[in-house]
PDB file of N, CA and C in Angstrom:
ATOM      1  N   MET A   1      -3.353  -7.729  18.411  1.00  0.00           N
ATOM      2  CA  MET A   1      -3.269  -6.322  18.111  1.00  0.00           C
ATOM      3  C   MET A   1      -4.638  -5.865  17.587  1.00  0.00           C
ATOM      4  N   GLU A   2      -5.075  -4.718  18.063  1.00  0.00           N
ATOM      5  CA  GLU A   2      -6.370  -4.185  17.640  1.00  0.00           C
ATOM      6  C   GLU A   2      -6.284  -3.607  16.229  1.00  0.00           C
ATOM      7  N   LYS A   3      -7.451  -3.519  15.592  1.00  0.00           N
ATOM      8  CA  LYS A   3      -7.513  -3.058  14.207  1.00  0.00           C
ATOM      9  C   LYS A   3      -6.915  -1.671  14.042  1.00  0.00           C
ATOM     10  N   GLN A   4      -7.224  -0.744  14.939  1.00  0.00           N
ATOM     11  CA  GLN A   4      -6.699   0.617  14.801  1.00  0.00           C
ATOM     12  C   GLN A   4      -5.176   0.638  14.942  1.00  0.00           C
ATOM     13  N   GLU A   5      -4.630  -0.211  15.794  1.00  0.00           N
ATOM     14  CA  GLU A   5      -3.171  -0.304  15.922  1.00  0.00           C
ATOM     15  C   GLU A   5      -2.556  -0.779  14.601  1.00  0.00           C
ATOM     16  N   LYS A   6      -3.192  -1.763  13.984  1.00  0.00           N
ATOM     17  CA  LYS A   6      -2.712  -2.264  12.694  1.00  0.00           C
ATOM     18  C   LYS A   6      -2.765  -1.159  11.644  1.00  0.00           C
ATOM     19  N   ILE A   7      -3.865  -0.428  11.612  1.00  0.00           N
ATOM     20  CA  ILE A   7      -4.010   0.655  10.635  1.00  0.00           C
ATOM     21  C   ILE A   7      -2.915   1.703  10.836  1.00  0.00           C
ATOM     22  N   ASN A   8      -2.649   2.055  12.077  1.00  0.00           N
ATOM     23  CA  ASN A   8      -1.595   3.044  12.353  1.00  0.00           C
ATOM     24  C   ASN A   8      -0.237   2.566  11.844  1.00  0.00           C
ATOM     25  N   LEU A   9       0.072   1.281  12.052  1.00  0.00           N
ATOM     26  CA  LEU A   9       1.332   0.730  11.566  1.00  0.00           C
ATOM     27  C   LEU A   9       1.363   0.671  10.041  1.00  0.00           C
ATOM     28  N   ILE A  10       0.235   0.343   9.435  1.00  0.00           N
ATOM     29  CA  ILE A  10       0.140   0.316   7.968  1.00  0.00           C
ATOM     30  C   ILE A  10       0.407   1.709   7.406  1.00  0.00           C
ATOM     31  N   LEU A  11      -0.213   2.727   8.003  1.00  0.00           N
ATOM     32  CA  LEU A  11      -0.011   4.097   7.548  1.00  0.00           C
ATOM     33  C   LEU A  11       1.456   4.509   7.655  1.00  0.00           C
ATOM     34  N   LYS A  12       2.102   4.144   8.747  1.00  0.00           N
ATOM     35  CA  LYS A  12       3.526   4.457   8.912  1.00  0.00           C
ATOM     36  C   LYS A  12       4.367   3.720   7.881  1.00  0.00           C
ATOM     37  N   SER A  13       3.993   2.480   7.589  1.00  0.00           N
ATOM     38  CA  SER A  13       4.714   1.684   6.590  1.00  0.00           C
ATOM     39  C   SER A  13       4.591   2.310   5.217  1.00  0.00           C
ATOM     40  N   ILE A  14       3.397   2.730   4.861  1.00  0.00           N
ATOM     41  CA  ILE A  14       3.176   3.353   3.555  1.00  0.00           C
ATOM     42  C   ILE A  14       3.979   4.643   3.435  1.00  0.00           C
ATOM     43  N   GLU A  15       4.090   5.386   4.517  1.00  0.00           N
ATOM     44  CA  GLU A  15       4.869   6.634   4.482  1.00  0.00           C
ATOM     45  C   GLU A  15       6.339   6.370   4.186  1.00  0.00           C
ATOM     46  N   LYS A  16       6.821   5.170   4.466  1.00  0.00           N
ATOM     47  CA  LYS A  16       8.216   4.830   4.169  1.00  0.00           C
ATOM     48  C   LYS A  16       8.449   4.643   2.672  1.00  0.00           C
ATOM     49  N   VAL A  17       7.445   4.173   1.953  1.00  0.00           N
ATOM     50  CA  VAL A  17       7.607   3.887   0.526  1.00  0.00           C
ATOM     51  C   VAL A  17       7.121   5.040  -0.369  1.00  0.00           C
ATOM     52  N   ARG A  18       6.239   5.877   0.140  1.00  0.00           N
ATOM     53  CA  ARG A  18       5.666   6.961  -0.664  1.00  0.00           C
ATOM     54  C   ARG A  18       6.703   7.875  -1.304  1.00  0.00           C
ATOM     55  N   PRO A  19       7.759   8.288  -0.602  1.00  0.00           N
ATOM     56  CA  PRO A  19       8.726   9.195  -1.238  1.00  0.00           C
ATOM     57  C   PRO A  19       9.346   8.617  -2.514  1.00  0.00           C
ATOM     58  N   TYR A  20       9.561   7.314  -2.548  1.00  0.00           N
ATOM     59  CA  TYR A  20      10.145   6.684  -3.731  1.00  0.00           C
ATOM     60  C   TYR A  20       9.167   6.722  -4.904  1.00  0.00           C
ATOM     61  N   LEU A  21       7.899   6.472  -4.615  1.00  0.00           N
ATOM     62  CA  LEU A  21       6.886   6.526  -5.658  1.00  0.00           C
ATOM     63  C   LEU A  21       6.673   7.961  -6.132  1.00  0.00           C
ATOM     64  N   GLN A  22       6.640   8.889  -5.194  1.00  0.00           N
ATOM     65  CA  GLN A  22       6.433  10.294  -5.539  1.00  0.00           C
ATOM     66  C   GLN A  22       7.588  10.843  -6.365  1.00  0.00           C
ATOM     67  N   ARG A  23       8.786  10.373  -6.098  1.00  0.00           N
ATOM     68  CA  ARG A  23       9.951  10.809  -6.862  1.00  0.00           C
ATOM     69  C   ARG A  23       9.801  10.452  -8.342  1.00  0.00           C
ATOM     70  N   ASP A  24       9.088   9.355  -8.605  1.00  0.00           N
ATOM     71  CA  ASP A  24       8.866   8.915  -9.985  1.00  0.00           C
ATOM     72  C   ASP A  24       7.511   9.365 -10.528  1.00  0.00           C
ATOM     73  N   GLY A  25       6.828  10.264  -9.811  1.00  0.00           N
ATOM     74  CA  GLY A  25       5.569  10.808 -10.292  1.00  0.00           C
ATOM     75  C   GLY A  25       4.335  10.019  -9.898  1.00  0.00           C
ATOM     76  N   GLY A  26       4.478   9.061  -8.994  1.00  0.00           N
ATOM     77  CA  GLY A  26       3.344   8.259  -8.544  1.00  0.00           C
ATOM     78  C   GLY A  26       3.023   8.509  -7.088  1.00  0.00           C
ATOM     79  N   ASP A  27       2.086   7.744  -6.577  1.00  0.00           N
ATOM     80  CA  ASP A  27       1.735   7.838  -5.168  1.00  0.00           C
ATOM     81  C   ASP A  27       0.890   6.628  -4.794  1.00  0.00           C
ATOM     82  N   VAL A  28       0.812   6.362  -3.508  1.00  0.00           N
ATOM     83  CA  VAL A  28       0.008   5.267  -2.976  1.00  0.00           C
ATOM     84  C   VAL A  28      -0.711   5.769  -1.740  1.00  0.00           C
ATOM     85  N   GLU A  29      -1.911   5.254  -1.520  1.00  0.00           N
ATOM     86  CA  GLU A  29      -2.746   5.696  -0.403  1.00  0.00           C
ATOM     87  C   GLU A  29      -3.475   4.502   0.203  1.00  0.00           C
ATOM     88  N   PHE A  30      -3.502   4.434   1.513  1.00  0.00           N
ATOM     89  CA  PHE A  30      -4.252   3.400   2.225  1.00  0.00           C
ATOM     90  C   PHE A  30      -5.742   3.634   2.034  1.00  0.00           C
ATOM     91  N   VAL A  31      -6.482   2.547   1.793  1.00  0.00           N
ATOM     92  CA  VAL A  31      -7.924   2.632   1.619  1.00  0.00           C
ATOM     93  C   VAL A  31      -8.650   1.908   2.732  1.00  0.00           C
ATOM     94  N   GLU A  32      -8.266   0.645   2.987  1.00  0.00           N
ATOM     95  CA  GLU A  32      -9.052  -0.158   3.924  1.00  0.00           C
ATOM     96  C   GLU A  32      -8.247  -1.330   4.451  1.00  0.00           C
ATOM     97  N   LEU A  33      -8.541  -1.722   5.675  1.00  0.00           N
ATOM     98  CA  LEU A  33      -8.076  -2.972   6.260  1.00  0.00           C
ATOM     99  C   LEU A  33      -9.314  -3.802   6.559  1.00  0.00           C
ATOM    100  N   THR A  34      -9.447  -4.940   5.910  1.00  0.00           N
ATOM    101  CA  THR A  34     -10.624  -5.780   6.110  1.00  0.00           C
ATOM    102  C   THR A  34     -10.485  -6.602   7.390  1.00  0.00           C
ATOM    103  N   ASP A  35     -11.587  -7.199   7.807  1.00  0.00           N
ATOM    104  CA  ASP A  35     -11.573  -8.026   9.017  1.00  0.00           C
ATOM    105  C   ASP A  35     -10.710  -9.275   8.855  1.00  0.00           C
ATOM    106  N   ASP A  36     -10.468  -9.688   7.609  1.00  0.00           N
ATOM    107  CA  ASP A  36      -9.596 -10.842   7.376  1.00  0.00           C
ATOM    108  C   ASP A  36      -8.158 -10.411   7.029  1.00  0.00           C
ATOM    109  N   ASN A  37      -7.791  -9.201   7.468  1.00  0.00           N
ATOM    110  CA  ASN A  37      -6.421  -8.677   7.382  1.00  0.00           C
ATOM    111  C   ASN A  37      -5.895  -8.506   5.958  1.00  0.00           C
ATOM    112  N   ILE A  38      -6.755  -8.075   5.070  1.00  0.00           N
ATOM    113  CA  ILE A  38      -6.343  -7.716   3.724  1.00  0.00           C
ATOM    114  C   ILE A  38      -6.337  -6.191   3.628  1.00  0.00           C
ATOM    115  N   VAL A  39      -5.221  -5.656   3.162  1.00  0.00           N
ATOM    116  CA  VAL A  39      -5.057  -4.212   3.012  1.00  0.00           C
ATOM    117  C   VAL A  39      -5.354  -3.836   1.569  1.00  0.00           C
ATOM    118  N   TYR A  40      -6.158  -2.804   1.388  1.00  0.00           N
ATOM    119  CA  TYR A  40      -6.428  -2.261   0.063  1.00  0.00           C
ATOM    120  C   TYR A  40      -5.795  -0.891  -0.030  1.00  0.00           C
ATOM    121  N   VAL A  41      -5.105  -0.659  -1.145  1.00  0.00           N
ATOM    122  CA  VAL A  41      -4.468   0.626  -1.406  1.00  0.00           C
ATOM    123  C   VAL A  41      -4.876   1.112  -2.789  1.00  0.00           C
ATOM    124  N   LYS A  42      -4.777   2.419  -2.979  1.00  0.00           N
ATOM    125  CA  LYS A  42      -4.973   3.023  -4.304  1.00  0.00           C
ATOM    126  C   LYS A  42      -3.642   3.606  -4.738  1.00  0.00           C
ATOM    127  N   VAL A  43      -3.429   3.590  -6.042  1.00  0.00           N
ATOM    128  CA  VAL A  43      -2.245   4.233  -6.598  1.00  0.00           C
ATOM    129  C   VAL A  43      -2.684   5.370  -7.509  1.00  0.00           C
ATOM    130  N   TYR A  44      -1.801   6.333  -7.667  1.00  0.00           N
ATOM    131  CA  TYR A  44      -2.107   7.529  -8.434  1.00  0.00           C
ATOM    132  C   TYR A  44      -0.926   7.895  -9.321  1.00  0.00           C
ATOM    133  N   GLY A  45      -1.172   8.850 -10.195  1.00  0.00           N
ATOM    134  CA  GLY A  45      -0.111   9.425 -11.021  1.00  0.00           C
ATOM    135  C   GLY A  45       0.533   8.411 -11.943  1.00  0.00           C
ATOM    136  N   ALA A  46       1.849   8.424 -11.967  1.00  0.00           N
ATOM    137  CA  ALA A  46       2.598   7.557 -12.870  1.00  0.00           C
ATOM    138  C   ALA A  46       2.405   6.077 -12.563  1.00  0.00           C
ATOM    139  N   CYS A  47       1.941   5.742 -11.379  1.00  0.00           N
ATOM    140  CA  CYS A  47       1.707   4.335 -11.026  1.00  0.00           C
ATOM    141  C   CYS A  47       0.541   3.742 -11.820  1.00  0.00           C
ATOM    142  N   VAL A  48      -0.423   4.572 -12.165  1.00  0.00           N
ATOM    143  CA  VAL A  48      -1.587   4.101 -12.903  1.00  0.00           C
ATOM    144  C   VAL A  48      -1.135   3.712 -14.309  1.00  0.00           C
ATOM    145  N   GLY A  49      -1.322   2.468 -14.646  1.00  0.00           N
ATOM    146  CA  GLY A  49      -0.949   1.986 -15.968  1.00  0.00           C
ATOM    147  C   GLY A  49       0.520   1.622 -16.122  1.00  0.00           C
ATOM    148  N   CYS A  50       1.300   1.768 -15.066  1.00  0.00           N
ATOM    149  CA  CYS A  50       2.721   1.442 -15.129  1.00  0.00           C
ATOM    150  C   CYS A  50       2.902  -0.073 -15.249  1.00  0.00           C
ATOM    151  N   LEU A  51       3.800  -0.483 -16.118  1.00  0.00           N
ATOM    152  CA  LEU A  51       4.065  -1.910 -16.313  1.00  0.00           C
ATOM    153  C   LEU A  51       4.721  -2.551 -15.092  1.00  0.00           C
ATOM    154  N   MET A  52       5.326  -1.754 -14.255  1.00  0.00           N
ATOM    155  CA  MET A  52       6.006  -2.266 -13.059  1.00  0.00           C
ATOM    156  C   MET A  52       5.126  -2.225 -11.809  1.00  0.00           C
ATOM    157  N   LEU A  53       3.863  -1.887 -11.955  1.00  0.00           N
ATOM    158  CA  LEU A  53       2.989  -1.724 -10.800  1.00  0.00           C
ATOM    159  C   LEU A  53       2.893  -2.988  -9.958  1.00  0.00           C
ATOM    160  N   ASP A  54       2.714  -4.134 -10.577  1.00  0.00           N
ATOM    161  CA  ASP A  54       2.609  -5.374  -9.803  1.00  0.00           C
ATOM    162  C   ASP A  54       3.866  -5.620  -8.984  1.00  0.00           C
ATOM    163  N   GLN A  55       5.004  -5.402  -9.589  1.00  0.00           N
ATOM    164  CA  GLN A  55       6.264  -5.598  -8.876  1.00  0.00           C
ATOM    165  C   GLN A  55       6.430  -4.575  -7.760  1.00  0.00           C
ATOM    166  N   THR A  56       6.082  -3.331  -8.034  1.00  0.00           N
ATOM    167  CA  THR A  56       6.167  -2.287  -7.014  1.00  0.00           C
ATOM    168  C   THR A  56       5.249  -2.604  -5.851  1.00  0.00           C
ATOM    169  N   LEU A  57       4.041  -3.058  -6.153  1.00  0.00           N
ATOM    170  CA  LEU A  57       3.092  -3.401  -5.102  1.00  0.00           C
ATOM    171  C   LEU A  57       3.623  -4.550  -4.257  1.00  0.00           C
ATOM    172  N   LYS A  58       4.108  -5.599  -4.918  1.00  0.00           N
ATOM    173  CA  LYS A  58       4.559  -6.784  -4.202  1.00  0.00           C
ATOM    174  C   LYS A  58       5.879  -6.552  -3.470  1.00  0.00           C
ATOM    175  N   ASP A  59       6.880  -6.066  -4.193  1.00  0.00           N
ATOM    176  CA  ASP A  59       8.224  -5.944  -3.622  1.00  0.00           C
ATOM    177  C   ASP A  59       8.425  -4.689  -2.785  1.00  0.00           C
ATOM    178  N   GLY A  60       7.573  -3.704  -2.973  1.00  0.00           N
ATOM    179  CA  GLY A  60       7.708  -2.466  -2.209  1.00  0.00           C
ATOM    180  C   GLY A  60       6.661  -2.336  -1.139  1.00  0.00           C
ATOM    181  N   VAL A  61       5.449  -2.029  -1.545  1.00  0.00           N
ATOM    182  CA  VAL A  61       4.366  -1.726  -0.599  1.00  0.00           C
ATOM    183  C   VAL A  61       4.042  -2.933   0.279  1.00  0.00           C
ATOM    184  N   MET A  62       3.779  -4.080  -0.346  1.00  0.00           N
ATOM    185  CA  MET A  62       3.404  -5.270   0.422  1.00  0.00           C
ATOM    186  C   MET A  62       4.525  -5.713   1.351  1.00  0.00           C
ATOM    187  N   SER A  63       5.725  -5.707   0.852  1.00  0.00           N
ATOM    188  CA  SER A  63       6.873  -6.143   1.637  1.00  0.00           C
ATOM    189  C   SER A  63       7.029  -5.311   2.909  1.00  0.00           C
ATOM    190  N   ILE A  64       6.956  -4.005   2.770  1.00  0.00           N
ATOM    191  CA  ILE A  64       7.118  -3.123   3.932  1.00  0.00           C
ATOM    192  C   ILE A  64       5.971  -3.293   4.917  1.00  0.00           C
ATOM    193  N   ILE A  65       4.744  -3.333   4.407  1.00  0.00           N
ATOM    194  CA  ILE A  65       3.588  -3.486   5.301  1.00  0.00           C
ATOM    195  C   ILE A  65       3.660  -4.813   6.051  1.00  0.00           C
ATOM    196  N   MET A  66       3.961  -5.893   5.351  1.00  0.00           N
ATOM    197  CA  MET A  66       3.971  -7.205   5.993  1.00  0.00           C
ATOM    198  C   MET A  66       5.144  -7.371   6.961  1.00  0.00           C
ATOM    199  N   ASP A  67       6.244  -6.652   6.723  1.00  0.00           N
ATOM    200  CA  ASP A  67       7.349  -6.654   7.689  1.00  0.00           C
ATOM    201  C   ASP A  67       6.927  -5.960   8.979  1.00  0.00           C
ATOM    202  N   GLU A  68       6.188  -4.864   8.842  1.00  0.00           N
ATOM    203  CA  GLU A  68       5.778  -4.075  10.002  1.00  0.00           C
ATOM    204  C   GLU A  68       4.571  -4.672  10.730  1.00  0.00           C
ATOM    205  N   VAL A  69       3.684  -5.320   9.977  1.00  0.00           N
ATOM    206  CA  VAL A  69       2.448  -5.870  10.543  1.00  0.00           C
ATOM    207  C   VAL A  69       2.306  -7.322  10.048  1.00  0.00           C
ATOM    208  N   PRO A  70       2.955  -8.271  10.725  1.00  0.00           N
ATOM    209  CA  PRO A  70       2.963  -9.662  10.254  1.00  0.00           C
ATOM    210  C   PRO A  70       1.580 -10.303  10.122  1.00  0.00           C
ATOM    211  N   GLU A  71       0.580  -9.755  10.784  1.00  0.00           N
ATOM    212  CA  GLU A  71      -0.766 -10.325  10.711  1.00  0.00           C
ATOM    213  C   GLU A  71      -1.440 -10.102   9.361  1.00  0.00           C
ATOM    214  N   ILE A  72      -0.897  -9.193   8.553  1.00  0.00           N
ATOM    215  CA  ILE A  72      -1.509  -8.883   7.263  1.00  0.00           C
ATOM    216  C   ILE A  72      -1.383 -10.079   6.332  1.00  0.00           C
ATOM    217  N   ALA A  73      -2.508 -10.456   5.719  1.00  0.00           N
ATOM    218  CA  ALA A  73      -2.553 -11.619   4.835  1.00  0.00           C
ATOM    219  C   ALA A  73      -2.203 -11.266   3.391  1.00  0.00           C
ATOM    220  N   ASP A  74      -2.564 -10.056   2.951  1.00  0.00           N
ATOM    221  CA  ASP A  74      -2.339  -9.671   1.560  1.00  0.00           C
ATOM    222  C   ASP A  74      -2.497  -8.164   1.421  1.00  0.00           C
ATOM    223  N   VAL A  75      -1.908  -7.621   0.362  1.00  0.00           N
ATOM    224  CA  VAL A  75      -2.083  -6.212   0.004  1.00  0.00           C
ATOM    225  C   VAL A  75      -2.582  -6.203  -1.438  1.00  0.00           C
ATOM    226  N   ARG A  76      -3.701  -5.550  -1.661  1.00  0.00           N
ATOM    227  CA  ARG A  76      -4.337  -5.540  -2.982  1.00  0.00           C
ATOM    228  C   ARG A  76      -4.658  -4.120  -3.406  1.00  0.00           C
ATOM    229  N   LEU A  77      -4.807  -3.971  -4.721  1.00  0.00           N
ATOM    230  CA  LEU A  77      -5.193  -2.679  -5.264  1.00  0.00           C
ATOM    231  C   LEU A  77      -6.700  -2.485  -5.144  1.00  0.00           C
ATOM    232  N   ALA A  78      -7.082  -1.330  -4.680  1.00  0.00           N
ATOM    233  CA  ALA A  78      -8.483  -0.911  -4.746  1.00  0.00           C
ATOM    234  C   ALA A  78      -8.694  -0.347  -6.141  1.00  0.00           C
ATOM    235  N   GLU A  79      -9.890   0.028  -6.460  1.00  0.00           N
ATOM    236  CA  GLU A  79     -10.172   0.603  -7.768  1.00  0.00           C
ATOM    237  C   GLU A  79      -9.289   1.809  -8.010  1.00  0.00           C
ATOM    238  N   ILE A  80      -8.692   1.876  -9.169  1.00  0.00           N
ATOM    239  CA  ILE A  80      -7.784   2.973  -9.513  1.00  0.00           C
ATOM    240  C   ILE A  80      -8.581   4.147 -10.043  1.00  0.00           C
ATOM    241  N   GLU A  81      -8.334   5.312  -9.470  1.00  0.00           N
ATOM    242  CA  GLU A  81      -9.004   6.538  -9.904  1.00  0.00           C
ATOM    243  C   GLU A  81      -7.947   7.605 -10.166  1.00  0.00           C
ATOM    244  N   PRO A  82      -8.177   8.450 -11.134  1.00  0.00           N
ATOM    245  CA  PRO A  82      -7.228   9.560 -11.341  1.00  0.00           C
ATOM    246  C   PRO A  82      -7.306  10.528 -10.175  1.00  0.00           C
ATOM    247  N   LYS A  83      -6.167  11.124  -9.829  1.00  0.00           N
ATOM    248  CA  LYS A  83      -6.143  12.066  -8.703  1.00  0.00           C
ATOM    249  C   LYS A  83      -5.897  13.455  -9.222  1.00  0.00           C
TER     250      LYS A  83
END
């Protein structure tokens, strides 16, 4: 699968989880897909500093992305900035 195809699937995957985060005052945004299949995302709002962020990232964002795009090796946080 080409890189742009992977990015398109990642974006669609993130759109599946965003409403849940937004409902709680947070948000997530795709930043980058590296050549070694690592996805970087940024979080905003209530997600910044949330004690459940690691769990949300792993059990929510990462889980959905890796189900949709099995080639992805990991999902990591990019630098957090206020939005």
